[in-house]
């Protein structure tokens, strides 16, 4: 089967006509499954509904993906996602594909149903994970990512919404999902695209440099920060400022957020969040990092913020206020609003509204350094991590 899957210079996998004929079913899905009308997850171009197999009673997640988006045919991208799932069928860290159906308007992927839903649900409920639980979660995420990278596949959209829990309210078994913007990166082939989610996107994506497997490593560092604190390390009141923070790696470790977090965990984050992708560790090296592997790590003491810096930088939002709001009204302050699929970076460089942004040399305030988040000098605290739904599994 895998011999009938080929890669292209665009970083997309293609499936042979022969395999597609065997794989894609054209008969009505209702003949084999009872599909719920109301989706339990929704993206801009896809919905996910619970489906029960009539013969066995087994429950699955049916992902309905629109074949046309903005009048453009997306079949090639959908076939790529199917091909990635087929290549990852032997991994216990990637959601499994069961069947594929096609209707006049949608491709329907029948996927393994994760009883615990998205990892984002735990973050919304408890704000962040304990360090031991975050470490266990990151190890599983890295294992799944290592499987992808061994096959030269970059996920490019790692975030809590794309990490599924097979056990309710537990990080004991995590699986990666949603490979809609993943790319296969072969030697000699450059892939440049503005894709991803604002809070997690790497600097090279914003500067329209070639994407690499190291692009996922940046997202790993952001994800570790988010799991440990409930906050985005680069989040600002608008996407443009967020991009500026990312481009300069304006990273800080507020004493309030990291008071009970080990120096080993902080080292794990800082080693991943390096602007130059060539200087980032590989996923395997991160798996061998002392924070994940429990090997001894000797680090200098963490320098806490001085009282002078704290006097010009407002304290972080109280824990009770860290959750994102369940709904948005016209009176809702912009920094508190959830982001949705429209906030995803997705499109060609030529038609992207972010292609002309420039990084100011004043991005780091001479008075506050990385504690300053805005131009001109206006110290502000970090913002809670926002929710970008995108196309969900």
Protein backbone atom coordinates (compact mmCIF):
# COMPACT_ATOMS: atom_id res chain seq x y z
CA UNK A 1 0.00 0.00 0.00
CA UNK A 2 2.74 2.50 0.94
CA UNK A 3 4.43 1.93 -2.41
CA UNK A 4 1.38 3.59 -4.01
CA UNK A 5 1.97 6.82 -2.08
CA UNK A 6 4.36 9.34 -3.66
CA UNK A 7 5.60 12.77 -2.63
CA UNK A 8 5.72 15.93 -4.75
CA UNK A 9 7.89 19.04 -4.82
CA UNK A 10 5.12 20.89 -3.00
CA UNK A 11 5.59 18.71 0.05
CA UNK A 12 2.28 16.92 -0.51
CA UNK A 13 1.77 13.18 -0.74
CA UNK A 14 -0.26 11.75 -3.61
CA UNK A 15 -2.14 8.44 -3.74
CA UNK A 16 -2.29 6.25 -6.83
CA UNK A 17 -5.62 5.95 -8.62
CA UNK A 18 -5.60 2.22 -7.97
CA UNK A 19 -5.29 2.71 -4.20
CA UNK A 20 -7.89 5.47 -4.17
CA UNK A 21 -10.40 3.21 -5.87
CA UNK A 22 -9.86 0.61 -3.15
CA UNK A 23 -9.80 3.10 -0.32
CA UNK A 24 -12.54 5.66 -1.01
CA UNK A 25 -16.13 4.50 -0.66
CA UNK A 26 -18.83 6.23 -2.69
CA UNK A 27 -21.87 4.51 -1.16
CA UNK A 28 -23.90 6.54 1.39
CA UNK A 29 -22.19 6.66 4.77
CA UNK A 30 -25.60 6.28 6.43
CA UNK A 31 -25.76 2.68 5.24
CA UNK A 32 -22.91 1.70 7.54
CA UNK A 33 -22.90 4.39 10.25
CA UNK A 34 -25.32 6.31 12.40
CA UNK A 35 -23.85 9.82 12.27
CA UNK A 36 -24.90 12.46 14.77
CA UNK A 37 -26.28 15.66 13.28
CA UNK A 38 -24.54 18.01 15.70
CA UNK A 39 -20.73 18.24 15.37
CA UNK A 40 -18.67 17.98 18.55
CA UNK A 41 -15.81 19.90 16.90
CA UNK A 42 -15.92 22.47 14.16
CA UNK A 43 -13.36 24.22 11.98
CA UNK A 44 -13.55 26.67 9.12
CA UNK A 45 -13.70 23.98 6.45
CA UNK A 46 -14.48 20.84 8.44
CA UNK A 47 -16.76 19.43 11.10
CA UNK A 48 -16.29 16.36 13.27
CA UNK A 49 -19.26 14.25 14.30
CA UNK A 50 -19.62 11.13 16.37
CA UNK A 51 -20.42 8.09 14.21
CA UNK A 52 -21.53 4.66 15.41
CA UNK A 53 -20.84 1.64 13.21
CA UNK A 54 -24.13 -0.17 12.83
CA UNK A 55 -22.71 -3.68 12.62
CA UNK A 56 -20.23 -3.50 15.51
CA UNK A 57 -21.50 -0.61 17.63
CA UNK A 58 -17.99 0.89 17.72
CA UNK A 59 -17.88 4.67 17.94
CA UNK A 60 -15.68 6.73 15.60
CA UNK A 61 -15.02 10.37 14.80
CA UNK A 62 -16.27 11.26 11.31
CA UNK A 63 -14.37 14.24 9.95
CA UNK A 64 -16.27 15.95 7.12
CA UNK A 65 -13.86 18.04 5.00
CA UNK A 66 -15.13 20.39 2.29
CA UNK A 67 -13.68 19.50 -1.11
CA UNK A 68 -13.82 23.12 -2.26
CA UNK A 69 -12.69 26.16 -0.31
CA UNK A 70 -13.14 29.67 -1.67
CA UNK A 71 -13.97 28.13 -5.06
CA UNK A 72 -10.63 26.24 -5.10
CA UNK A 73 -10.40 22.46 -5.30
CA UNK A 74 -8.81 21.03 -2.12
CA UNK A 75 -8.88 17.36 -3.10
CA UNK A 76 -5.11 17.17 -3.43
CA UNK A 77 -4.61 18.48 0.12
CA UNK A 78 -7.21 16.07 1.50
CA UNK A 79 -5.55 13.11 -0.23
CA UNK A 80 -2.28 14.24 1.36
CA UNK A 81 -3.83 14.12 4.83
CA UNK A 82 -5.19 10.65 4.11
CA UNK A 83 -1.76 9.51 2.88
CA UNK A 84 -0.05 10.80 6.04
CA UNK A 85 -2.52 8.89 8.20
CA UNK A 86 -1.89 5.73 6.16
CA UNK A 87 1.87 6.11 6.62
CA UNK A 88 1.39 6.53 10.38
CA UNK A 89 -0.96 3.57 10.83
CA UNK A 90 1.65 1.63 12.82
CA UNK A 91 2.23 4.45 15.35
CA UNK A 92 0.43 4.41 18.68
CA UNK A 93 0.93 8.16 18.93
CA UNK A 94 -1.06 9.15 15.83
CA UNK A 95 -4.84 8.94 15.51
CA UNK A 96 -5.82 5.99 13.28
CA UNK A 97 -7.74 6.19 10.03
CA UNK A 98 -10.45 3.54 9.69
CA UNK A 99 -12.28 4.33 6.44
CA UNK A 100 -12.80 7.08 3.86
CA UNK A 101 -16.09 8.10 2.24
CA UNK A 102 -16.78 10.66 -0.47
CA UNK A 103 -19.95 12.67 -1.02
CA UNK A 104 -20.74 15.34 -3.60
CA UNK A 105 -19.36 18.08 -1.33
CA UNK A 106 -17.17 16.37 1.29
CA UNK A 107 -14.51 13.80 1.94
CA UNK A 108 -15.32 11.96 5.16
CA UNK A 109 -12.49 10.49 7.22
CA UNK A 110 -13.64 7.85 9.71
CA UNK A 111 -11.11 8.20 12.51
CA UNK A 112 -10.35 6.64 15.84
CA UNK A 113 -12.44 8.36 18.52
CA UNK A 114 -10.47 9.71 21.48
CA UNK A 115 -12.72 9.53 24.54
CA UNK A 116 -10.92 12.36 26.35
CA UNK A 117 -11.19 14.88 23.53
CA UNK A 118 -8.59 17.60 22.99
CA UNK A 119 -5.80 18.41 25.42
CA UNK A 120 -7.11 21.98 25.22
CA UNK A 121 -10.07 20.94 27.38
CA UNK A 122 -7.79 20.21 30.33
CA UNK A 123 -6.07 23.56 29.90
CA UNK A 124 -9.41 25.36 29.82
CA UNK A 125 -10.49 23.55 32.97
CA UNK A 126 -7.32 23.65 35.09
CA UNK A 127 -5.42 26.46 33.33
CA UNK A 128 -2.15 24.48 33.17
CA UNK A 129 -0.66 21.08 33.98
CA UNK A 130 1.53 20.15 36.90
CA UNK A 131 5.17 19.77 35.88
CA UNK A 132 5.15 15.97 36.19
CA UNK A 133 2.02 15.69 34.05
CA UNK A 134 3.36 18.21 31.53
CA UNK A 135 6.59 16.24 31.27
CA UNK A 136 4.66 13.01 30.65
CA UNK A 137 2.54 14.72 28.00
CA UNK A 138 5.55 16.23 26.23
CA UNK A 139 7.31 12.86 26.11
CA UNK A 140 4.36 11.30 24.27
CA UNK A 141 4.07 14.27 21.92
CA UNK A 142 7.77 13.97 21.10
CA UNK A 143 7.39 10.23 20.48
CA UNK A 144 4.64 10.90 17.95
CA UNK A 145 6.64 13.69 16.37
CA UNK A 146 9.74 11.47 16.15
CA UNK A 147 7.70 8.93 14.19
CA UNK A 148 6.70 11.67 11.73
CA UNK A 149 10.18 13.12 11.42
CA UNK A 150 11.68 9.69 10.71
CA UNK A 151 9.46 9.78 7.61
CA UNK A 152 10.42 13.39 6.81
CA UNK A 153 6.93 14.63 7.71
CA UNK A 154 6.62 18.01 9.46
CA UNK A 155 3.33 18.46 11.31
CA UNK A 156 3.46 22.31 11.28
CA UNK A 157 0.41 22.81 13.50
CA UNK A 158 1.28 21.44 16.92
CA UNK A 159 -1.05 22.90 19.56
CA UNK A 160 -3.31 21.57 22.35
CA UNK A 161 -6.31 21.43 20.00
CA UNK A 162 -4.45 18.91 17.80
CA UNK A 163 -3.51 16.58 20.66
CA UNK A 164 -6.11 14.00 21.64
CA UNK A 165 -6.60 12.18 24.94
CA UNK A 166 -7.78 8.59 24.71
CA UNK A 167 -8.62 8.63 28.45
CA UNK A 168 -10.99 11.17 29.96
CA UNK A 169 -9.19 13.91 31.92
CA UNK A 170 -5.85 12.10 31.70
CA UNK A 171 -2.57 12.63 29.84
CA UNK A 172 -1.67 8.95 30.08
CA UNK A 173 -2.25 8.33 26.36
CA UNK A 174 -1.91 11.22 23.87
CA UNK A 175 -2.24 11.04 20.09
CA UNK A 176 -1.41 13.58 17.38
CA UNK A 177 -4.10 14.54 14.90
CA UNK A 178 -4.94 16.99 12.09
CA UNK A 179 -2.34 16.70 9.34
CA UNK A 180 -4.09 19.06 6.95
CA UNK A 181 -1.14 21.45 6.68
CA UNK A 182 1.65 18.92 7.27
CA UNK A 183 4.36 18.66 4.63
CA UNK A 184 6.86 16.04 3.49
CA UNK A 185 10.32 17.59 3.39
CA UNK A 186 12.70 15.71 1.13
CA UNK A 187 16.38 16.58 0.49
CA UNK A 188 16.83 19.18 -2.22
CA UNK A 189 13.23 20.37 -2.06
CA UNK A 190 12.41 23.72 -0.46
CA UNK A 191 8.93 24.36 0.93
CA UNK A 192 8.02 27.95 1.78
CA UNK A 193 4.50 28.61 3.03
CA UNK A 194 2.77 30.89 5.51
CA UNK A 195 0.91 28.23 7.45
CA UNK A 196 0.32 27.48 11.11
CA UNK A 197 -1.28 29.04 14.17
CA UNK A 198 -0.07 32.51 15.28
CA UNK A 199 1.00 31.66 18.85
CA UNK A 200 2.92 28.53 17.76
CA UNK A 201 4.38 29.49 14.38
CA UNK A 202 8.18 29.57 14.01
CA UNK A 203 10.20 32.66 12.96
CA UNK A 204 11.28 31.13 9.63
CA UNK A 205 7.64 30.74 8.58
CA UNK A 206 6.98 34.44 9.22
CA UNK A 207 10.08 35.47 7.27
CA UNK A 208 9.13 33.14 4.42
CA UNK A 209 12.27 31.03 4.79
CA UNK A 210 12.29 27.30 4.00
CA UNK A 211 10.32 25.12 6.38
CA UNK A 212 12.19 22.24 8.01
CA UNK A 213 11.60 19.57 10.62
CA UNK A 214 13.08 22.06 13.09
CA UNK A 215 9.98 24.21 12.52
CA UNK A 216 8.08 21.68 14.65
CA UNK A 217 10.74 21.92 17.38
CA UNK A 218 9.93 25.62 17.86
CA UNK A 219 6.26 24.69 18.35
CA UNK A 220 7.34 22.06 20.89
CA UNK A 221 9.02 24.78 22.96
CA UNK A 222 5.92 26.99 22.82
CA UNK A 223 3.74 24.02 23.70
CA UNK A 224 5.85 23.15 26.76
CA UNK A 225 5.57 26.76 27.96
CA UNK A 226 1.79 26.70 27.47
CA UNK A 227 1.29 23.37 29.25
CA UNK A 228 3.34 24.52 32.25
CA UNK A 229 1.81 27.99 32.62
CA UNK A 230 -1.42 28.23 30.64
CA UNK A 231 0.09 31.25 28.82
CA UNK A 232 1.55 31.85 25.38
CA UNK A 233 5.21 32.96 25.63
CA UNK A 234 4.86 35.42 22.74
CA UNK A 235 1.16 36.32 22.85
CA UNK A 236 0.19 39.98 22.50
CA UNK A 237 -2.98 42.01 22.01
CA UNK A 238 -2.82 41.57 18.22
CA UNK A 239 -1.26 39.14 15.76
CA UNK A 240 1.23 41.66 14.36
CA UNK A 241 2.78 42.22 17.79
CA UNK A 242 2.78 38.48 18.42
CA UNK A 243 4.73 37.99 15.20
CA UNK A 244 7.25 40.64 16.25
CA UNK A 245 7.74 38.91 19.60
CA UNK A 246 8.29 35.59 17.83
CA UNK A 247 10.75 37.05 15.31
CA UNK A 248 12.92 38.48 18.09
CA UNK A 249 12.29 35.53 20.42
CA UNK A 250 11.21 38.00 23.10
CA UNK A 251 11.10 35.26 25.72
CA UNK A 252 10.91 35.74 29.48
CA UNK A 253 10.12 33.54 32.46
CA UNK A 254 7.99 35.52 34.89
CA UNK A 255 8.73 34.58 38.49
CA UNK A 256 5.00 34.29 39.24
CA UNK A 257 4.48 31.74 36.46
CA UNK A 258 7.69 29.75 36.93
CA UNK A 259 8.11 29.87 40.69
CA UNK A 260 7.52 26.13 41.11
CA UNK A 261 8.93 24.97 37.76
CA UNK A 262 12.35 23.32 37.58
CA UNK A 263 15.40 24.78 35.87
CA UNK A 264 15.49 21.64 33.73
CA UNK A 265 12.04 22.43 32.31
CA UNK A 266 13.10 26.00 31.58
CA UNK A 267 16.22 24.73 29.82
CA UNK A 268 14.04 22.43 27.70
CA UNK A 269 11.99 25.43 26.57
CA UNK A 270 14.93 27.73 25.88
CA UNK A 271 16.81 25.05 23.93
CA UNK A 272 13.78 24.64 21.63
CA UNK A 273 13.04 28.34 21.16
CA UNK A 274 16.07 29.35 19.12
CA UNK A 275 15.50 31.71 16.19
CA UNK A 276 18.00 29.96 13.91
CA UNK A 277 16.39 26.59 13.04
CA UNK A 278 19.84 25.10 12.35
CA UNK A 279 20.72 25.57 16.02
CA UNK A 280 17.62 23.87 17.42
CA UNK A 281 17.88 20.32 18.74
CA UNK A 282 16.25 17.44 16.90
CA UNK A 283 13.21 15.72 18.34
CA UNK A 284 15.39 12.78 19.34
CA UNK A 285 17.74 15.13 21.20
CA UNK A 286 14.74 16.58 23.03
CA UNK A 287 13.68 13.06 24.01
CA UNK A 288 17.18 12.68 25.48
CA UNK A 289 16.94 16.04 27.29
CA UNK A 290 17.28 15.63 31.08
CA UNK A 291 13.80 17.03 31.69
CA UNK A 292 12.28 14.23 29.61
CA UNK A 293 14.83 11.43 30.16
CA UNK A 294 15.40 12.17 33.90
CA UNK A 295 19.16 12.41 33.39
CA UNK A 296 21.06 14.75 35.66
CA UNK A 297 21.28 18.35 34.51
CA UNK A 298 23.50 20.95 36.17
CA UNK A 299 22.39 24.48 35.45
CA UNK A 300 23.26 27.89 36.92
CA UNK A 301 20.60 29.37 39.21
CA UNK A 302 17.66 30.98 37.41
CA UNK A 303 17.88 34.76 37.63
CA UNK A 304 14.58 36.10 38.86
CA UNK A 305 13.27 39.49 37.82
CA UNK A 306 14.57 42.39 39.85
CA UNK A 307 12.24 44.66 41.74
CA UNK A 308 13.14 47.43 39.31
CA UNK A 309 11.84 45.45 36.35
CA UNK A 310 8.77 44.33 38.25
CA UNK A 311 7.98 47.95 39.05
CA UNK A 312 7.53 48.81 35.37
CA UNK A 313 5.94 45.54 34.28
CA UNK A 314 2.43 44.79 35.57
CA UNK A 315 2.01 41.45 37.32
CA UNK A 316 0.59 38.59 35.34
CA UNK A 317 -3.13 38.13 35.26
CA UNK A 318 -4.37 36.42 38.45
CA UNK A 319 -4.89 32.68 38.15
CA UNK A 320 -8.64 33.07 38.51
CA UNK A 321 -8.72 35.24 35.38
CA UNK A 322 -6.47 33.19 33.12
CA UNK A 323 -9.15 31.22 31.35
CA UNK A 324 -10.28 32.48 27.97
CA UNK A 325 -13.86 33.70 27.90
CA UNK A 326 -16.57 31.28 26.76
CA UNK A 327 -18.15 33.85 24.46
CA UNK A 328 -17.31 37.18 22.85
CA UNK A 329 -19.46 40.29 22.82
CA UNK A 330 -18.81 43.72 21.38
CA UNK A 331 -17.77 44.82 24.87
CA UNK A 332 -15.20 42.08 25.31
CA UNK A 333 -11.64 43.51 25.43
CA UNK A 334 -9.63 42.34 22.43
CA UNK A 335 -6.83 40.65 24.44
CA UNK A 336 -9.43 38.42 26.12
CA UNK A 337 -11.12 37.20 22.93
CA UNK A 338 -10.72 33.69 21.67
CA UNK A 339 -9.24 33.23 18.23
CA UNK A 340 -10.77 30.87 15.72
CA UNK A 341 -9.91 29.40 12.35
CA UNK A 342 -9.67 32.82 10.74
CA UNK A 343 -6.55 33.40 12.81
CA UNK A 344 -4.70 30.50 11.24
CA UNK A 345 -1.86 31.33 8.90
CA UNK A 346 -2.75 29.50 5.73
CA UNK A 347 -2.06 30.53 2.16
CA UNK A 348 0.58 31.40 -0.34
CA UNK A 349 3.12 34.12 0.30
CA UNK A 350 1.82 36.19 -2.59
CA UNK A 351 -1.70 36.58 -1.23
CA UNK A 352 -0.92 36.70 2.47
CA UNK A 353 -1.64 39.95 4.32
CA UNK A 354 1.39 39.32 6.58
CA UNK A 355 3.95 39.32 3.79
CA UNK A 356 4.95 42.98 4.22
CA UNK A 357 5.52 43.11 7.97
CA UNK A 358 8.90 44.32 9.21
CA UNK A 359 10.66 43.73 12.50
CA UNK A 360 11.55 47.00 14.14
CA UNK A 361 14.98 47.35 15.68
CA UNK A 362 13.15 48.74 18.72
CA UNK A 363 11.28 45.47 19.33
CA UNK A 364 13.23 44.97 22.55
CA UNK A 365 12.80 47.97 24.78
CA UNK A 366 16.18 49.35 25.96
CA UNK A 367 14.70 49.95 29.39
CA UNK A 368 12.92 46.65 29.97
CA UNK A 369 14.48 44.23 27.49
CA UNK A 370 12.26 41.23 26.86
CA UNK A 371 9.80 42.28 29.55
CA UNK A 372 8.44 44.95 27.21
CA UNK A 373 5.91 43.69 24.69
CA UNK A 374 4.83 46.73 22.65
CA UNK A 375 6.07 49.55 20.45
CA UNK A 376 6.51 52.25 21.51
CA UNK A 377 7.44 51.47 25.10
CA UNK A 378 4.27 50.27 26.82
CA UNK A 379 4.97 47.48 29.32
CA UNK A 380 2.21 44.89 29.43
CA UNK A 381 1.83 41.42 30.93
CA UNK A 382 1.58 38.23 28.91
CA UNK A 383 -1.80 37.29 27.51
CA UNK A 384 -3.59 34.02 28.16
CA UNK A 385 -3.15 31.43 25.44
CA UNK A 386 -5.93 31.80 22.88
CA UNK A 387 -7.97 29.06 21.23
CA UNK A 388 -7.58 28.64 17.49
CA UNK A 389 -9.95 25.93 16.28
CA UNK A 390 -8.67 25.54 12.72
CA UNK A 391 -9.58 22.23 11.06
CA UNK A 392 -9.97 19.78 13.87
CA UNK A 393 -9.68 16.04 14.24
